[in-house]
C-alpha atoms as a PDB file:
ATOM      1  CA  UNK A   1      19.614 102.320 -45.695  1.00  0.00           C
ATOM      2  CA  UNK A   2      17.413 103.573 -47.609  1.00  0.00           C
ATOM      3  CA  UNK A   3      15.248 106.357 -46.592  1.00  0.00           C
ATOM      4  CA  UNK A   4      11.308 107.360 -46.385  1.00  0.00           C
ATOM      5  CA  UNK A   5      11.878 109.917 -48.844  1.00  0.00           C
ATOM      6  CA  UNK A   6      13.732 107.910 -51.583  1.00  0.00           C
ATOM      7  CA  UNK A   7      10.948 104.736 -51.181  1.00  0.00           C
ATOM      8  CA  UNK A   8       8.325 107.402 -51.541  1.00  0.00           C
ATOM      9  CA  UNK A   9      10.092 108.892 -54.795  1.00  0.00           C
ATOM     10  CA  UNK A  10      10.961 105.962 -56.245  1.00  0.00           C
ATOM     11  CA  UNK A  11       7.247 104.312 -56.196  1.00  0.00           C
ATOM     12  CA  UNK A  12       6.070 107.401 -57.870  1.00  0.00           C
ATOM     13  CA  UNK A  13       8.009 106.989 -60.749  1.00  0.00           C
ATOM     14  CA  UNK A  14       6.130 103.618 -61.311  1.00  0.00           C
ATOM     15  CA  UNK A  15       4.380 103.862 -64.316  1.00  0.00           C
ATOM     16  CA  UNK A  16       0.417 103.780 -63.395  1.00  0.00           C
ATOM     17  CA  UNK A  17       0.029 101.058 -66.062  1.00  0.00           C
ATOM     18  CA  UNK A  18       2.203  98.980 -64.017  1.00  0.00           C
ATOM     19  CA  UNK A  19       0.348  99.517 -60.683  1.00  0.00           C
ATOM     20  CA  UNK A  20      -2.910  98.932 -62.625  1.00  0.00           C
ATOM     21  CA  UNK A  21      -2.060  95.975 -63.943  1.00  0.00           C
ATOM     22  CA  UNK A  22      -0.932  94.318 -61.094  1.00  0.00           C
ATOM     23  CA  UNK A  23      -3.586  95.773 -59.381  1.00  0.00           C
ATOM     24  CA  UNK A  24      -6.214  93.781 -61.888  1.00  0.00           C
ATOM     25  CA  UNK A  25      -3.408  90.402 -62.068  1.00  0.00           C
ATOM     26  CA  UNK A  26      -3.990  90.742 -58.153  1.00  0.00           C
ATOM     27  CA  UNK A  27      -7.759  91.096 -57.818  1.00  0.00           C
ATOM     28  CA  UNK A  28      -8.304  88.340 -60.399  1.00  0.00           C
ATOM     29  CA  UNK A  29      -6.027  85.769 -58.010  1.00  0.00           C
ATOM     30  CA  UNK A  30      -8.348  86.374 -55.239  1.00  0.00           C
ATOM     31  CA  UNK A  31     -11.373  85.748 -57.180  1.00  0.00           C
ATOM     32  CA  UNK A  32      -9.616  82.358 -58.583  1.00  0.00           C
ATOM     33  CA  UNK A  33      -8.522  81.379 -54.877  1.00  0.00           C
ATOM     34  CA  UNK A  34     -11.818  82.307 -53.289  1.00  0.00           C
ATOM     35  CA  UNK A  35     -13.589  80.076 -56.297  1.00  0.00           C
ATOM     36  CA  UNK A  36     -10.675  77.001 -56.225  1.00  0.00           C
ATOM     37  CA  UNK A  37     -11.657  77.686 -51.969  1.00  0.00           C
ATOM     38  CA  UNK A  38     -15.384  76.661 -52.619  1.00  0.00           C
ATOM     39  CA  UNK A  39     -14.347  73.792 -55.600  1.00  0.00           C
ATOM     40  CA  UNK A  40     -12.354  72.073 -53.386  1.00  0.00           C
ATOM     41  CA  UNK A  41     -14.536  71.630 -50.778  1.00  0.00           C
ATOM     42  CA  UNK A  42     -17.450  70.679 -53.191  1.00  0.00           C
ATOM     43  CA  UNK A  43     -14.918  67.528 -54.231  1.00  0.00           C
ATOM     44  CA  UNK A  44     -14.026  67.015 -50.489  1.00  0.00           C
ATOM     45  CA  UNK A  45     -18.171  66.430 -50.094  1.00  0.00           C
ATOM     46  CA  UNK A  46     -18.097  64.583 -53.194  1.00  0.00           C
ATOM     47  CA  UNK A  47     -16.105  62.181 -51.821  1.00  0.00           C
ATOM     48  CA  UNK A  48     -17.270  61.532 -48.829  1.00  0.00           C
ATOM     49  CA  UNK A  49     -20.443  61.122 -50.506  1.00  0.00           C
ATOM     50  CA  UNK A  50     -19.300  58.789 -52.855  1.00  0.00           C
ATOM     51  CA  UNK A  51     -17.671  56.354 -50.558  1.00  0.00           C
ATOM     52  CA  UNK A  52     -20.731  56.032 -48.427  1.00  0.00           C
ATOM     53  CA  UNK A  53     -22.728  54.986 -51.530  1.00  0.00           C
ATOM     54  CA  UNK A  54     -19.935  52.916 -52.672  1.00  0.00           C
ATOM     55  CA  UNK A  55     -20.022  51.201 -49.092  1.00  0.00           C
ATOM     56  CA  UNK A  56     -23.937  50.273 -50.155  1.00  0.00           C
ATOM     57  CA  UNK A  57     -26.400  53.306 -48.514  1.00  0.00           C
ATOM     58  CA  UNK A  58     -28.458  54.278 -50.610  1.00  0.00           C
ATOM     59  CA  UNK A  59     -29.172  57.330 -48.235  1.00  0.00           C
ATOM     60  CA  UNK A  60     -26.519  59.449 -50.190  1.00  0.00           C
ATOM     61  CA  UNK A  61     -27.260  58.415 -53.687  1.00  0.00           C
ATOM     62  CA  UNK A  62     -28.934  61.838 -53.984  1.00  0.00           C
ATOM     63  CA  UNK A  63     -26.437  63.564 -52.334  1.00  0.00           C
ATOM     64  CA  UNK A  64     -23.712  61.888 -54.971  1.00  0.00           C
ATOM     65  CA  UNK A  65     -25.789  63.514 -57.905  1.00  0.00           C
ATOM     66  CA  UNK A  66     -26.383  66.575 -56.493  1.00  0.00           C
ATOM     67  CA  UNK A  67     -22.570  67.618 -55.445  1.00  0.00           C
ATOM     68  CA  UNK A  68     -21.586  66.321 -58.865  1.00  0.00           C
ATOM     69  CA  UNK A  69     -23.470  68.666 -60.231  1.00  0.00           C
ATOM     70  CA  UNK A  70     -22.270  71.430 -58.314  1.00  0.00           C
ATOM     71  CA  UNK A  71     -18.792  70.167 -59.237  1.00  0.00           C
ATOM     72  CA  UNK A  72     -19.401  70.848 -62.718  1.00  0.00           C
ATOM     73  CA  UNK A  73     -21.170  74.577 -62.097  1.00  0.00           C
ATOM     74  CA  UNK A  74     -18.110  75.574 -59.985  1.00  0.00           C
ATOM     75  CA  UNK A  75     -15.328  74.201 -62.617  1.00  0.00           C
ATOM     76  CA  UNK A  76     -17.259  76.162 -65.591  1.00  0.00           C
ATOM     77  CA  UNK A  77     -17.690  79.092 -63.619  1.00  0.00           C
ATOM     78  CA  UNK A  78     -13.882  79.297 -62.532  1.00  0.00           C
ATOM     79  CA  UNK A  79     -12.647  79.265 -65.929  1.00  0.00           C
ATOM     80  CA  UNK A  80     -14.764  82.615 -66.989  1.00  0.00           C
ATOM     81  CA  UNK A  81     -14.300  83.933 -62.922  1.00  0.00           C
ATOM     82  CA  UNK A  82     -11.834  86.829 -64.703  1.00  0.00           C
ATOM     83  CA  UNK A  83     -10.641  87.558 -68.414  1.00  0.00           C
ATOM     84  CA  UNK A  84      -7.116  86.428 -67.009  1.00  0.00           C
ATOM     85  CA  UNK A  85      -8.246  83.176 -66.080  1.00  0.00           C
ATOM     86  CA  UNK A  86      -6.312  81.868 -69.138  1.00  0.00           C
ATOM     87  CA  UNK A  87      -2.691  83.796 -67.980  1.00  0.00           C
ATOM     88  CA  UNK A  88      -2.543  82.561 -64.277  1.00  0.00           C
ATOM     89  CA  UNK A  89      -4.150  78.800 -64.875  1.00  0.00           C
ATOM     90  CA  UNK A  90      -1.888  77.765 -68.059  1.00  0.00           C
ATOM     91  CA  UNK A  91      -4.076  75.671 -70.703  1.00  0.00           C
ATOM     92  CA  UNK A  92      -1.795  72.552 -69.717  1.00  0.00           C
ATOM     93  CA  UNK A  93      -2.923  72.860 -65.823  1.00  0.00           C
ATOM     94  CA  UNK A  94      -6.283  73.423 -66.958  1.00  0.00           C
ATOM     95  CA  UNK A  95      -6.367  70.037 -68.794  1.00  0.00           C
ATOM     96  CA  UNK A  96      -5.214  67.993 -65.821  1.00  0.00           C
ATOM     97  CA  UNK A  97      -7.620  69.759 -64.029  1.00  0.00           C
ATOM     98  CA  UNK A  98     -10.899  68.792 -66.049  1.00  0.00           C
ATOM     99  CA  UNK A  99      -8.622  64.889 -66.605  1.00  0.00           C
ATOM    100  CA  UNK A 100      -8.270  64.746 -63.030  1.00  0.00           C
ATOM    101  CA  UNK A 101     -12.512  65.605 -62.651  1.00  0.00           C
ATOM    102  CA  UNK A 102     -13.039  63.509 -65.848  1.00  0.00           C
ATOM    103  CA  UNK A 103     -11.264  60.337 -64.239  1.00  0.00           C
ATOM    104  CA  UNK A 104     -13.198  60.859 -60.868  1.00  0.00           C
ATOM    105  CA  UNK A 105     -16.517  60.402 -62.508  1.00  0.00           C
ATOM    106  CA  UNK A 106     -15.910  57.974 -65.428  1.00  0.00           C
ATOM    107  CA  UNK A 107     -17.408  54.573 -63.804  1.00  0.00           C
ATOM    108  CA  UNK A 108     -16.916  55.784 -60.748  1.00  0.00           C
ATOM    109  CA  UNK A 109     -19.783  53.406 -59.219  1.00  0.00           C
ATOM    110  CA  UNK A 110     -17.274  50.743 -60.304  1.00  0.00           C
ATOM    111  CA  UNK A 111     -14.368  52.088 -58.502  1.00  0.00           C
ATOM    112  CA  UNK A 112     -13.023  49.832 -55.886  1.00  0.00           C
ATOM    113  CA  UNK A 113     -12.503  51.654 -52.053  1.00  0.00           C
ATOM    114  CA  UNK A 114      -9.117  53.231 -52.916  1.00  0.00           C
ATOM    115  CA  UNK A 115      -9.541  54.005 -56.208  1.00  0.00           C
ATOM    116  CA  UNK A 116     -11.682  56.559 -55.279  1.00  0.00           C
ATOM    117  CA  UNK A 117     -10.312  58.098 -52.468  1.00  0.00           C
ATOM    118  CA  UNK A 118      -6.858  58.316 -54.293  1.00  0.00           C
ATOM    119  CA  UNK A 119      -9.083  59.777 -57.339  1.00  0.00           C
ATOM    120  CA  UNK A 120     -10.597  62.771 -55.119  1.00  0.00           C
ATOM    121  CA  UNK A 121      -7.228  63.353 -53.399  1.00  0.00           C
ATOM    122  CA  UNK A 122      -4.824  63.533 -56.469  1.00  0.00           C
ATOM    123  CA  UNK A 123      -7.264  66.012 -57.762  1.00  0.00           C
ATOM    124  CA  UNK A 124      -7.471  67.874 -54.384  1.00  0.00           C
ATOM    125  CA  UNK A 125      -4.065  67.763 -54.436  1.00  0.00           C
ATOM    126  CA  UNK A 126      -3.596  69.358 -57.530  1.00  0.00           C
ATOM    127  CA  UNK A 127      -6.382  72.318 -57.019  1.00  0.00           C
ATOM    128  CA  UNK A 128      -4.524  73.481 -53.241  1.00  0.00           C
ATOM    129  CA  UNK A 129      -1.025  73.516 -55.166  1.00  0.00           C
ATOM    130  CA  UNK A 130      -2.334  75.971 -57.663  1.00  0.00           C
ATOM    131  CA  UNK A 131      -4.464  77.825 -55.296  1.00  0.00           C
ATOM    132  CA  UNK A 132      -1.030  78.377 -52.935  1.00  0.00           C
ATOM    133  CA  UNK A 133       1.124  79.082 -56.071  1.00  0.00           C
ATOM    134  CA  UNK A 134      -1.708  82.143 -57.018  1.00  0.00           C
ATOM    135  CA  UNK A 135      -1.378  83.210 -53.489  1.00  0.00           C
ATOM    136  CA  UNK A 136       2.069  83.368 -53.986  1.00  0.00           C
ATOM    137  CA  UNK A 137       1.774  86.211 -56.706  1.00  0.00           C
ATOM    138  CA  UNK A 138       0.760  88.330 -53.307  1.00  0.00           C
ATOM    139  CA  UNK A 139       3.669  87.948 -51.866  1.00  0.00           C
ATOM    140  CA  UNK A 140       4.995  91.471 -52.167  1.00  0.00           C
ATOM    141  CA  UNK A 141       3.361  94.958 -52.289  1.00  0.00           C
ATOM    142  CA  UNK A 142       1.612  95.973 -54.989  1.00  0.00           C
ATOM    143  CA  UNK A 143       4.493  98.267 -55.795  1.00  0.00           C
ATOM    144  CA  UNK A 144       6.724  94.943 -55.215  1.00  0.00           C
ATOM    145  CA  UNK A 145       9.203  96.741 -57.961  1.00  0.00           C
ATOM    146  CA  UNK A 146      10.676  98.081 -55.276  1.00  0.00           C
ATOM    147  CA  UNK A 147      13.169  95.815 -53.517  1.00  0.00           C
ATOM    148  CA  UNK A 148      13.439  98.144 -50.756  1.00  0.00           C
ATOM    149  CA  UNK A 149       9.616  97.363 -50.233  1.00  0.00           C
ATOM    150  CA  UNK A 150       9.878  93.296 -50.837  1.00  0.00           C
ATOM    151  CA  UNK A 151      10.722  92.006 -46.941  1.00  0.00           C
ATOM    152  CA  UNK A 152       7.297  93.720 -45.487  1.00  0.00           C
ATOM    153  CA  UNK A 153       5.202  90.403 -46.404  1.00  0.00           C
ATOM    154  CA  UNK A 154       7.737  87.985 -46.709  1.00  0.00           C
ATOM    155  CA  UNK A 155       6.747  85.799 -43.583  1.00  0.00           C
ATOM    156  CA  UNK A 156       2.842  87.037 -44.325  1.00  0.00           C
ATOM    157  CA  UNK A 157       0.877  85.384 -41.666  1.00  0.00           C
ATOM    158  CA  UNK A 158      -2.423  85.819 -43.608  1.00  0.00           C
ATOM    159  CA  UNK A 159      -1.422  84.358 -46.594  1.00  0.00           C
ATOM    160  CA  UNK A 160       0.921  81.145 -44.983  1.00  0.00           C
ATOM    161  CA  UNK A 161      -2.909  80.530 -42.752  1.00  0.00           C
ATOM    162  CA  UNK A 162      -5.211  81.141 -46.627  1.00  0.00           C
ATOM    163  CA  UNK A 163      -2.746  79.023 -48.823  1.00  0.00           C
ATOM    164  CA  UNK A 164      -1.249  76.480 -46.476  1.00  0.00           C
ATOM    165  CA  UNK A 165      -1.777  75.655 -42.750  1.00  0.00           C
ATOM    166  CA  UNK A 166      -6.124  76.067 -42.998  1.00  0.00           C
ATOM    167  CA  UNK A 167      -6.280  73.898 -46.114  1.00  0.00           C
ATOM    168  CA  UNK A 168      -4.468  71.324 -45.216  1.00  0.00           C
ATOM    169  CA  UNK A 169      -6.284  70.874 -41.828  1.00  0.00           C
ATOM    170  CA  UNK A 170      -9.679  70.828 -44.060  1.00  0.00           C
ATOM    171  CA  UNK A 171      -8.093  68.209 -45.955  1.00  0.00           C
ATOM    172  CA  UNK A 172      -7.399  66.154 -43.161  1.00  0.00           C
ATOM    173  CA  UNK A 173     -10.654  66.860 -41.508  1.00  0.00           C
ATOM    174  CA  UNK A 174     -12.179  65.502 -45.243  1.00  0.00           C
ATOM    175  CA  UNK A 175     -10.100  62.549 -45.386  1.00  0.00           C
ATOM    176  CA  UNK A 176     -11.338  61.333 -41.670  1.00  0.00           C
ATOM    177  CA  UNK A 177     -15.085  62.768 -42.507  1.00  0.00           C
ATOM    178  CA  UNK A 178     -14.994  60.097 -45.747  1.00  0.00           C
ATOM    179  CA  UNK A 179     -13.393  56.905 -44.622  1.00  0.00           C
ATOM    180  CA  UNK A 180     -14.729  57.188 -41.077  1.00  0.00           C
ATOM    181  CA  UNK A 181     -18.511  58.029 -42.466  1.00  0.00           C
ATOM    182  CA  UNK A 182     -17.745  54.519 -45.027  1.00  0.00           C
ATOM    183  CA  UNK A 183     -16.645  52.714 -42.158  1.00  0.00           C
ATOM    184  CA  UNK A 184     -19.965  53.315 -40.316  1.00  0.00           C
ATOM    185  CA  UNK A 185     -21.379  52.717 -43.348  1.00  0.00           C
ATOM    186  CA  UNK A 186     -20.297  49.154 -43.790  1.00  0.00           C
ATOM    187  CA  UNK A 187     -20.040  48.878 -39.374  1.00  0.00           C
ATOM    188  CA  UNK A 188     -15.948  47.444 -40.200  1.00  0.00           C
ATOM    189  CA  UNK A 189     -12.849  49.119 -40.830  1.00  0.00           C
ATOM    190  CA  UNK A 190     -10.239  46.725 -41.321  1.00  0.00           C
ATOM    191  CA  UNK A 191      -6.269  47.722 -39.793  1.00  0.00           C
ATOM    192  CA  UNK A 192      -4.882  49.432 -43.015  1.00  0.00           C
ATOM    193  CA  UNK A 193      -8.197  52.066 -42.351  1.00  0.00           C
ATOM    194  CA  UNK A 194      -7.654  52.291 -38.804  1.00  0.00           C
ATOM    195  CA  UNK A 195      -3.845  53.076 -39.550  1.00  0.00           C
ATOM    196  CA  UNK A 196      -4.953  55.786 -41.596  1.00  0.00           C
ATOM    197  CA  UNK A 197      -7.756  57.104 -39.552  1.00  0.00           C
ATOM    198  CA  UNK A 198      -5.373  57.252 -36.502  1.00  0.00           C
ATOM    199  CA  UNK A 199      -2.787  59.285 -38.128  1.00  0.00           C
ATOM    200  CA  UNK A 200      -4.772  61.840 -39.347  1.00  0.00           C
ATOM    201  CA  UNK A 201      -7.075  61.940 -36.041  1.00  0.00           C
ATOM    202  CA  UNK A 202      -3.257  63.385 -34.655  1.00  0.00           C
ATOM    203  CA  UNK A 203      -2.424  65.072 -37.562  1.00  0.00           C
ATOM    204  CA  UNK A 204      -5.935  67.233 -37.209  1.00  0.00           C
ATOM    205  CA  UNK A 205      -5.057  67.218 -33.635  1.00  0.00           C
ATOM    206  CA  UNK A 206      -1.184  68.754 -33.927  1.00  0.00           C
ATOM    207  CA  UNK A 207      -2.601  71.410 -36.695  1.00  0.00           C
ATOM    208  CA  UNK A 208      -5.865  72.493 -35.053  1.00  0.00           C
ATOM    209  CA  UNK A 209      -3.569  73.221 -31.926  1.00  0.00           C
ATOM    210  CA  UNK A 210      -1.074  75.336 -34.033  1.00  0.00           C
ATOM    211  CA  UNK A 211      -4.147  77.281 -35.406  1.00  0.00           C
ATOM    212  CA  UNK A 212      -4.994  78.043 -32.383  1.00  0.00           C
ATOM    213  CA  UNK A 213      -1.544  79.441 -31.633  1.00  0.00           C
ATOM    214  CA  UNK A 214      -1.489  81.423 -34.774  1.00  0.00           C
ATOM    215  CA  UNK A 215      -4.954  83.083 -34.048  1.00  0.00           C
ATOM    216  CA  UNK A 216      -3.605  84.165 -30.727  1.00  0.00           C
ATOM    217  CA  UNK A 217      -0.087  85.526 -31.842  1.00  0.00           C
ATOM    218  CA  UNK A 218      -2.035  87.636 -34.538  1.00  0.00           C
ATOM    219  CA  UNK A 219      -2.135  91.338 -34.225  1.00  0.00           C
ATOM    220  CA  UNK A 220      -5.469  92.268 -32.637  1.00  0.00           C
ATOM    221  CA  UNK A 221      -6.469  94.136 -35.540  1.00  0.00           C
ATOM    222  CA  UNK A 222      -6.394  90.896 -37.685  1.00  0.00           C
ATOM    223  CA  UNK A 223      -8.382  89.013 -35.435  1.00  0.00           C
ATOM    224  CA  UNK A 224     -10.993  92.093 -35.487  1.00  0.00           C
ATOM    225  CA  UNK A 225     -11.650  92.009 -39.005  1.00  0.00           C
ATOM    226  CA  UNK A 226     -11.164  88.162 -39.759  1.00  0.00           C
ATOM    227  CA  UNK A 227     -13.887  87.464 -37.615  1.00  0.00           C
ATOM    228  CA  UNK A 228     -14.527  83.717 -39.233  1.00  0.00           C
ATOM    229  CA  UNK A 229     -10.677  82.432 -38.080  1.00  0.00           C
ATOM    230  CA  UNK A 230     -11.452  83.707 -34.506  1.00  0.00           C
ATOM    231  CA  UNK A 231     -14.417  81.931 -34.525  1.00  0.00           C
ATOM    232  CA  UNK A 232     -13.002  78.612 -35.294  1.00  0.00           C
ATOM    233  CA  UNK A 233     -11.902  78.592 -31.548  1.00  0.00           C
ATOM    234  CA  UNK A 234     -15.449  77.957 -30.876  1.00  0.00           C
ATOM    235  CA  UNK A 235     -15.571  74.392 -32.972  1.00  0.00           C
ATOM    236  CA  UNK A 236     -12.988  73.440 -30.415  1.00  0.00           C
ATOM    237  CA  UNK A 237     -15.252  71.332 -28.069  1.00  0.00           C
ATOM    238  CA  UNK A 238     -17.404  70.019 -31.548  1.00  0.00           C
ATOM    239  CA  UNK A 239     -13.980  69.187 -33.254  1.00  0.00           C
ATOM    240  CA  UNK A 240     -12.787  67.394 -30.097  1.00  0.00           C
ATOM    241  CA  UNK A 241     -16.064  65.579 -29.664  1.00  0.00           C
ATOM    242  CA  UNK A 242     -16.062  64.571 -33.361  1.00  0.00           C
ATOM    243  CA  UNK A 243     -12.469  63.419 -33.328  1.00  0.00           C
ATOM    244  CA  UNK A 244     -13.273  61.021 -30.097  1.00  0.00           C
ATOM    245  CA  UNK A 245     -16.374  59.465 -31.541  1.00  0.00           C
ATOM    246  CA  UNK A 246     -14.159  58.742 -34.530  1.00  0.00           C
ATOM    247  CA  UNK A 247     -11.134  57.317 -32.630  1.00  0.00           C
ATOM    248  CA  UNK A 248     -13.805  55.774 -30.247  1.00  0.00           C
ATOM    249  CA  UNK A 249     -16.567  54.397 -32.317  1.00  0.00           C
ATOM    250  CA  UNK A 250     -14.615  53.557 -35.586  1.00  0.00           C
ATOM    251  CA  UNK A 251     -10.494  53.159 -34.853  1.00  0.00           C
ATOM    252  CA  UNK A 252     -11.718  51.214 -31.855  1.00  0.00           C
ATOM    253  CA  UNK A 253     -14.914  49.841 -32.246  1.00  0.00           C
ATOM    254  CA  UNK A 254     -14.656  49.103 -36.110  1.00  0.00           C
ATOM    255  CA  UNK A 255     -18.104  51.665 -36.711  1.00  0.00           C
ATOM    256  CA  UNK A 256     -20.659  49.081 -35.801  1.00  0.00           C
ATOM    257  CA  UNK A 257     -22.205  51.668 -33.597  1.00  0.00           C
ATOM    258  CA  UNK A 258     -21.837  54.803 -35.573  1.00  0.00           C
ATOM    259  CA  UNK A 259     -24.300  56.302 -36.936  1.00  0.00           C
ATOM    260  CA  UNK A 260     -22.965  57.122 -40.799  1.00  0.00           C
ATOM    261  CA  UNK A 261     -25.122  60.388 -41.609  1.00  0.00           C
ATOM    262  CA  UNK A 262     -24.903  61.973 -38.037  1.00  0.00           C
ATOM    263  CA  UNK A 263     -20.734  61.484 -38.222  1.00  0.00           C
ATOM    264  CA  UNK A 264     -20.999  62.837 -41.776  1.00  0.00           C
ATOM    265  CA  UNK A 265     -23.083  65.684 -40.825  1.00  0.00           C
ATOM    266  CA  UNK A 266     -20.982  67.062 -37.627  1.00  0.00           C
ATOM    267  CA  UNK A 267     -17.933  66.615 -39.672  1.00  0.00           C
ATOM    268  CA  UNK A 268     -19.572  68.726 -42.925  1.00  0.00           C
ATOM    269  CA  UNK A 269     -20.500  71.521 -40.088  1.00  0.00           C
ATOM    270  CA  UNK A 270     -17.042  71.421 -38.888  1.00  0.00           C
ATOM    271  CA  UNK A 271     -15.676  71.781 -41.931  1.00  0.00           C
ATOM    272  CA  UNK A 272     -17.179  74.078 -43.320  1.00  0.00           C
ATOM    273  CA  UNK A 273     -16.315  76.696 -40.442  1.00  0.00           C
ATOM    274  CA  UNK A 274     -12.777  76.028 -41.350  1.00  0.00           C
ATOM    275  CA  UNK A 275     -13.808  76.775 -45.208  1.00  0.00           C
ATOM    276  CA  UNK A 276     -15.557  79.833 -44.009  1.00  0.00           C
ATOM    277  CA  UNK A 277     -12.147  80.715 -42.184  1.00  0.00           C
ATOM    278  CA  UNK A 278     -10.598  80.834 -45.935  1.00  0.00           C
ATOM    279  CA  UNK A 279     -13.075  82.794 -47.188  1.00  0.00           C
ATOM    280  CA  UNK A 280     -12.610  85.200 -44.549  1.00  0.00           C
ATOM    281  CA  UNK A 281      -8.761  86.004 -45.260  1.00  0.00           C
ATOM    282  CA  UNK A 282      -9.014  85.664 -48.755  1.00  0.00           C
ATOM    283  CA  UNK A 283     -11.431  88.691 -47.918  1.00  0.00           C
ATOM    284  CA  UNK A 284      -9.086  90.295 -45.619  1.00  0.00           C
ATOM    285  CA  UNK A 285      -6.395  90.191 -48.791  1.00  0.00           C
ATOM    286  CA  UNK A 286      -8.589  92.073 -50.548  1.00  0.00           C
ATOM    287  CA  UNK A 287      -9.050  94.939 -48.237  1.00  0.00           C
ATOM    288  CA  UNK A 288      -5.411  94.938 -48.340  1.00  0.00           C
ATOM    289  CA  UNK A 289      -4.854  95.026 -51.731  1.00  0.00           C
ATOM    290  CA  UNK A 290      -7.206  97.945 -51.834  1.00  0.00           C
ATOM    291  CA  UNK A 291      -5.369  99.826 -49.389  1.00  0.00           C
ATOM    292  CA  UNK A 292      -2.722  99.333 -51.076  1.00  0.00           C
ATOM    293  CA  UNK A 293      -3.670 100.598 -53.867  1.00  0.00           C
ATOM    294  CA  UNK A 294      -5.183 103.373 -51.958  1.00  0.00           C
ATOM    295  CA  UNK A 295      -2.119 103.846 -50.399  1.00  0.00           C
ATOM    296  CA  UNK A 296      -0.037 104.423 -54.016  1.00  0.00           C
ATOM    297  CA  UNK A 297      -2.278 107.224 -54.921  1.00  0.00           C
ATOM    298  CA  UNK A 298      -2.758 109.414 -52.239  1.00  0.00           C
ATOM    299  CA  UNK A 299       0.530 109.401 -50.514  1.00  0.00           C
ATOM    300  CA  UNK A 300       2.858 112.339 -51.180  1.00  0.00           C
END
């Protein structure tokens, strides 16, 4: 058992350059994670409006062009957000991301529905994995060289929510939004798509239940600081209505009576709240990083 005095003495022996280098890297990681959160959200929107356009709804044409331009801009911003981008995101990973987006955009109006959907989904999964791997760098405290301190954040609820639990829920919601909007446009939903939607609906209901339980189990101080997460509970009724509408009008009703634009707008409003929740968690992680640095600087 290492006593507190030994921990403080060991920590004070860590060179300043080690701490500052770790601080800069973690600050860059958090910047990239926020950029990735918004980039993924934009690509999910692009997938949804592309599916609607491929179904023959000209009302979504302008949306496709607008979101495609936004994704292009976000990709450029991502690569220039931090001077450590090249070291945090290897060149091979950068090439895969750009290739994935090029594949999504290339002659997309000639894509079959399943092709378009899978191209988007593959790229989104790649970006979510990248964000998760970046988040793993935040697992230990700033002075993580101290083995006596590495257990502090091993089961970090904030990181788990930001890097895995909420993004997985968002992606299932975004898949439902895209495929359900397509079905509403064409006024039909074949058996294969019904099965997919039914599965994703079940996933969202389970994942959201687990998320609300996790929110309720967080320390009160975290909920007070992470307002965008706590406010997700205010969207439970809208979420239930959205899921029920998809289940009743699309899965069971074949989409004949569903309004594509209303369905897409409602789904987007709900998803945006969860995306804001991830941003709030990243901001909380940033505050924690600043507090760790301050603690290291001021503790005797």
